Amino acid sequence: MEEREKRSLTATEIAEILPHRYPFALVDRIEDYEPGVWAKGIKCVTMDEHFFQGHFPGHPVMPGVLIIEALAQTGAVAMLSLPENKGKIALFGGIKNARFKKQVVPGDVLELYCEITEQKGPVGTGKAEARVNGKLACRAELMFAIQ
């Protein structure tokens, strides 16, 4: 089997695909992706994140809902990178079986992966995982709708 060249995206290129902006742009880089199929990205978690001001003073932990959002944005890159979805947005349709296995703290590099497992028209499902140093931090099934 012939090895294909990786597709990567910088934060600036991600901003051309996703409508999210600071402080809600939660993917720093896409390391590789296949349009409409899957995407692998990273979020570099720093102490400067706005949410650490209140979550939790003296014991900073990235909120689980923001880990899920980062996973959803990674999956959205896969879907919105298709030519027919250019300029559209991906909205949450639901979250199933979300499990948090490890705290994400400042200094962690959150490894994000989302694979699109089903799509019927504008509605679909993706399986997503977030890892830190290869260890599972979060797993969830995400439902979305493209508008």
C-alpha atoms as a PDB file:
ATOM      1  CA  MET A   1       0.000   0.000   0.000  1.00  0.00           C
ATOM      2  CA  GLU A   2       1.325   3.411  -0.965  1.00  0.00           C
ATOM      3  CA  GLU A   3       1.907   5.827   1.911  1.00  0.00           C
ATOM      4  CA  ARG A   4       0.139   9.145   1.447  1.00  0.00           C
ATOM      5  CA  GLU A   5       1.476  12.526   2.418  1.00  0.00           C
ATOM      6  CA  LYS A   6       0.128  13.916   5.702  1.00  0.00           C
ATOM      7  CA  ARG A   7      -2.262  16.859   5.569  1.00  0.00           C
ATOM      8  CA  SER A   8      -1.665  19.375   8.347  1.00  0.00           C
ATOM      9  CA  LEU A   9      -3.255  22.705   9.226  1.00  0.00           C
ATOM     10  CA  THR A  10      -1.939  25.638  11.249  1.00  0.00           C
ATOM     11  CA  ALA A  11      -4.146  27.636  13.613  1.00  0.00           C
ATOM     12  CA  THR A  12      -4.582  30.243  10.858  1.00  0.00           C
ATOM     13  CA  GLU A  13      -5.697  27.581   8.371  1.00  0.00           C
ATOM     14  CA  ILE A  14      -8.080  26.071  10.940  1.00  0.00           C
ATOM     15  CA  ALA A  15      -9.650  29.532  11.346  1.00  0.00           C
ATOM     16  CA  GLU A  16     -10.423  29.492   7.603  1.00  0.00           C
ATOM     17  CA  ILE A  17     -12.503  26.318   8.149  1.00  0.00           C
ATOM     18  CA  LEU A  18     -14.039  26.776  11.618  1.00  0.00           C
ATOM     19  CA  PRO A  19     -15.929  29.869  12.766  1.00  0.00           C
ATOM     20  CA  HIS A  20     -14.570  29.605  16.353  1.00  0.00           C
ATOM     21  CA  ARG A  21     -12.404  32.437  17.640  1.00  0.00           C
ATOM     22  CA  TYR A  22     -10.655  33.241  20.925  1.00  0.00           C
ATOM     23  CA  PRO A  23     -11.444  32.243  23.582  1.00  0.00           C
ATOM     24  CA  PHE A  24     -13.362  29.378  21.995  1.00  0.00           C
ATOM     25  CA  ALA A  25     -10.889  28.192  19.344  1.00  0.00           C
ATOM     26  CA  LEU A  26      -9.656  25.040  21.083  1.00  0.00           C
ATOM     27  CA  VAL A  27      -7.529  23.312  18.432  1.00  0.00           C
ATOM     28  CA  ASP A  28      -4.018  24.679  17.948  1.00  0.00           C
ATOM     29  CA  ARG A  29      -2.991  22.471  15.049  1.00  0.00           C
ATOM     30  CA  ILE A  30      -4.329  19.656  12.892  1.00  0.00           C
ATOM     31  CA  GLU A  31      -1.546  17.094  12.477  1.00  0.00           C
ATOM     32  CA  ASP A  32      -3.341  15.042   9.823  1.00  0.00           C
ATOM     33  CA  TYR A  33      -6.839  14.513   8.439  1.00  0.00           C
ATOM     34  CA  GLU A  34      -8.873  12.919   5.698  1.00  0.00           C
ATOM     35  CA  PRO A  35     -11.747  15.190   4.601  1.00  0.00           C
ATOM     36  CA  GLY A  36     -15.096  13.759   5.644  1.00  0.00           C
ATOM     37  CA  VAL A  37     -13.483  10.794   7.436  1.00  0.00           C
ATOM     38  CA  TRP A  38     -11.250  11.744  10.401  1.00  0.00           C
ATOM     39  CA  ALA A  39      -8.951  14.367  11.905  1.00  0.00           C
ATOM     40  CA  LYS A  40      -6.119  14.354  14.425  1.00  0.00           C
ATOM     41  CA  GLY A  41      -5.231  17.577  16.216  1.00  0.00           C
ATOM     42  CA  ILE A  42      -3.602  19.035  19.296  1.00  0.00           C
ATOM     43  CA  LYS A  43      -4.414  21.580  21.964  1.00  0.00           C
ATOM     44  CA  CYS A  44      -1.470  22.895  23.971  1.00  0.00           C
ATOM     45  CA  VAL A  45      -2.895  23.563  27.428  1.00  0.00           C
ATOM     46  CA  THR A  46      -1.237  26.526  29.173  1.00  0.00           C
ATOM     47  CA  MET A  47      -1.721  28.233  32.523  1.00  0.00           C
ATOM     48  CA  ASP A  48      -2.826  31.343  30.578  1.00  0.00           C
ATOM     49  CA  GLU A  49      -6.145  29.698  29.563  1.00  0.00           C
ATOM     50  CA  HIS A  50      -9.023  31.925  30.685  1.00  0.00           C
ATOM     51  CA  PHE A  51     -10.932  29.031  32.293  1.00  0.00           C
ATOM     52  CA  PHE A  52      -8.167  28.310  34.822  1.00  0.00           C
ATOM     53  CA  GLN A  53      -9.034  31.552  36.637  1.00  0.00           C
ATOM     54  CA  GLY A  54     -12.025  29.832  38.194  1.00  0.00           C
ATOM     55  CA  HIS A  55     -11.528  26.093  37.506  1.00  0.00           C
ATOM     56  CA  PHE A  56     -10.007  25.673  40.075  1.00  0.00           C
ATOM     57  CA  PRO A  57      -7.882  28.289  41.859  1.00  0.00           C
ATOM     58  CA  GLY A  58      -4.852  26.477  43.281  1.00  0.00           C
ATOM     59  CA  HIS A  59      -5.702  23.255  41.373  1.00  0.00           C
ATOM     60  CA  PRO A  60      -6.155  24.079  37.666  1.00  0.00           C
ATOM     61  CA  VAL A  61      -8.042  21.405  35.691  1.00  0.00           C
ATOM     62  CA  MET A  62      -9.341  21.803  32.130  1.00  0.00           C
ATOM     63  CA  PRO A  63     -13.155  21.532  32.223  1.00  0.00           C
ATOM     64  CA  GLY A  64     -14.445  18.311  30.688  1.00  0.00           C
ATOM     65  CA  VAL A  65     -16.953  20.177  28.548  1.00  0.00           C
ATOM     66  CA  LEU A  66     -14.073  22.053  26.891  1.00  0.00           C
ATOM     67  CA  ILE A  67     -12.242  18.788  26.195  1.00  0.00           C
ATOM     68  CA  ILE A  68     -15.439  17.582  24.481  1.00  0.00           C
ATOM     69  CA  GLU A  69     -15.646  20.881  22.569  1.00  0.00           C
ATOM     70  CA  ALA A  70     -12.019  20.508  21.406  1.00  0.00           C
ATOM     71  CA  LEU A  71     -12.866  17.001  20.160  1.00  0.00           C
ATOM     72  CA  ALA A  72     -15.946  18.335  18.369  1.00  0.00           C
ATOM     73  CA  GLN A  73     -13.893  21.067  16.698  1.00  0.00           C
ATOM     74  CA  THR A  74     -11.424  18.422  15.531  1.00  0.00           C
ATOM     75  CA  GLY A  75     -14.269  16.412  13.996  1.00  0.00           C
ATOM     76  CA  ALA A  76     -15.707  19.592  12.494  1.00  0.00           C
ATOM     77  CA  VAL A  77     -12.425  20.174  10.650  1.00  0.00           C
ATOM     78  CA  ALA A  78     -12.825  16.738   9.046  1.00  0.00           C
ATOM     79  CA  MET A  79     -16.400  17.493   7.960  1.00  0.00           C
ATOM     80  CA  LEU A  80     -16.026  21.147   7.000  1.00  0.00           C
ATOM     81  CA  SER A  81     -12.867  20.520   4.966  1.00  0.00           C
ATOM     82  CA  LEU A  82     -15.043  18.819   2.344  1.00  0.00           C
ATOM     83  CA  PRO A  83     -15.542  21.220  -0.605  1.00  0.00           C
ATOM     84  CA  GLU A  84     -19.349  20.909  -0.402  1.00  0.00           C
ATOM     85  CA  ASN A  85     -19.267  22.057   3.268  1.00  0.00           C
ATOM     86  CA  LYS A  86     -17.058  25.134   2.739  1.00  0.00           C
ATOM     87  CA  GLY A  87     -18.477  28.102   4.668  1.00  0.00           C
ATOM     88  CA  LYS A  88     -20.896  25.964   6.710  1.00  0.00           C
ATOM     89  CA  ILE A  89     -20.856  25.273  10.448  1.00  0.00           C
ATOM     90  CA  ALA A  90     -21.133  22.046  12.432  1.00  0.00           C
ATOM     91  CA  LEU A  91     -23.470  22.162  15.424  1.00  0.00           C
ATOM     92  CA  PHE A  92     -23.731  19.715  18.313  1.00  0.00           C
ATOM     93  CA  GLY A  93     -26.624  17.274  18.011  1.00  0.00           C
ATOM     94  CA  GLY A  94     -25.747  15.278  21.109  1.00  0.00           C
ATOM     95  CA  ILE A  95     -23.099  13.593  23.222  1.00  0.00           C
ATOM     96  CA  LYS A  96     -23.234   9.914  24.211  1.00  0.00           C
ATOM     97  CA  ASN A  97     -21.112   7.759  26.476  1.00  0.00           C
ATOM     98  CA  ALA A  98     -18.721  10.542  27.516  1.00  0.00           C
ATOM     99  CA  ARG A  99     -16.123   9.276  29.974  1.00  0.00           C
ATOM    100  CA  PHE A 100     -13.316  11.226  31.608  1.00  0.00           C
ATOM    101  CA  LYS A 101     -10.325   9.133  32.646  1.00  0.00           C
ATOM    102  CA  LYS A 102      -7.554  11.639  33.381  1.00  0.00           C
ATOM    103  CA  GLN A 103      -7.351  15.250  34.472  1.00  0.00           C
ATOM    104  CA  VAL A 104      -5.942  17.665  31.893  1.00  0.00           C
ATOM    105  CA  VAL A 105      -3.732  20.326  33.476  1.00  0.00           C
ATOM    106  CA  PRO A 106      -1.471  23.202  32.375  1.00  0.00           C
ATOM    107  CA  GLY A 107       1.545  21.917  30.458  1.00  0.00           C
ATOM    108  CA  ASP A 108      -0.349  18.999  28.902  1.00  0.00           C
ATOM    109  CA  VAL A 109      -0.560  18.541  25.153  1.00  0.00           C
ATOM    110  CA  LEU A 110      -4.055  17.262  24.455  1.00  0.00           C
ATOM    111  CA  GLU A 111      -3.986  14.820  21.527  1.00  0.00           C
ATOM    112  CA  LEU A 112      -7.382  14.957  19.794  1.00  0.00           C
ATOM    113  CA  TYR A 113      -8.854  12.405  17.396  1.00  0.00           C
ATOM    114  CA  CYS A 114     -12.303  12.201  15.859  1.00  0.00           C
ATOM    115  CA  GLU A 115     -13.481   9.667  13.289  1.00  0.00           C
ATOM    116  CA  ILE A 116     -16.765  10.189  11.459  1.00  0.00           C
ATOM    117  CA  THR A 117     -18.603   6.884  11.786  1.00  0.00           C
ATOM    118  CA  GLU A 118     -21.958   7.684  10.179  1.00  0.00           C
ATOM    119  CA  GLN A 119     -23.578  10.433   8.136  1.00  0.00           C
ATOM    120  CA  LYS A 120     -27.057  10.720   6.664  1.00  0.00           C
ATOM    121  CA  GLY A 121     -27.569  14.010   4.918  1.00  0.00           C
ATOM    122  CA  PRO A 122     -26.422  16.868   7.158  1.00  0.00           C
ATOM    123  CA  VAL A 123     -26.569  14.745  10.366  1.00  0.00           C
ATOM    124  CA  GLY A 124     -23.780  12.481  11.549  1.00  0.00           C
ATOM    125  CA  THR A 125     -21.890  10.775  14.346  1.00  0.00           C
ATOM    126  CA  GLY A 126     -18.242  10.657  15.298  1.00  0.00           C
ATOM    127  CA  LYS A 127     -16.184   8.648  17.786  1.00  0.00           C
ATOM    128  CA  ALA A 128     -13.693  10.825  19.596  1.00  0.00           C
ATOM    129  CA  GLU A 129     -10.789  10.404  21.999  1.00  0.00           C
ATOM    130  CA  ALA A 130      -8.497  12.826  23.790  1.00  0.00           C
ATOM    131  CA  ARG A 131      -5.163  11.625  25.147  1.00  0.00           C
ATOM    132  CA  VAL A 132      -2.223  13.086  27.057  1.00  0.00           C
ATOM    133  CA  ASN A 133       1.132  11.364  26.491  1.00  0.00           C
ATOM    134  CA  GLY A 134      -0.777   8.487  24.909  1.00  0.00           C
ATOM    135  CA  LYS A 135      -2.984   7.984  27.993  1.00  0.00           C
ATOM    136  CA  LEU A 136      -6.744   8.254  27.546  1.00  0.00           C
ATOM    137  CA  ALA A 137      -8.182  11.435  29.077  1.00  0.00           C
ATOM    138  CA  CYS A 138     -11.658  11.399  27.489  1.00  0.00           C
ATOM    139  CA  ARG A 139     -13.769   9.314  25.127  1.00  0.00           C
ATOM    140  CA  ALA A 140     -17.181  10.207  23.670  1.00  0.00           C
ATOM    141  CA  GLU A 141     -19.558   9.698  20.790  1.00  0.00           C
ATOM    142  CA  LEU A 142     -20.519  13.041  19.241  1.00  0.00           C
ATOM    143  CA  MET A 143     -23.550  13.789  17.122  1.00  0.00           C
ATOM    144  CA  PHE A 144     -23.539  16.785  14.772  1.00  0.00           C
ATOM    145  CA  ALA A 145     -25.545  18.638  12.166  1.00  0.00           C
ATOM    146  CA  ILE A 146     -24.020  20.617   9.307  1.00  0.00           C
ATOM    147  CA  GLN A 147     -25.730  23.935   8.525  1.00  0.00           C
END
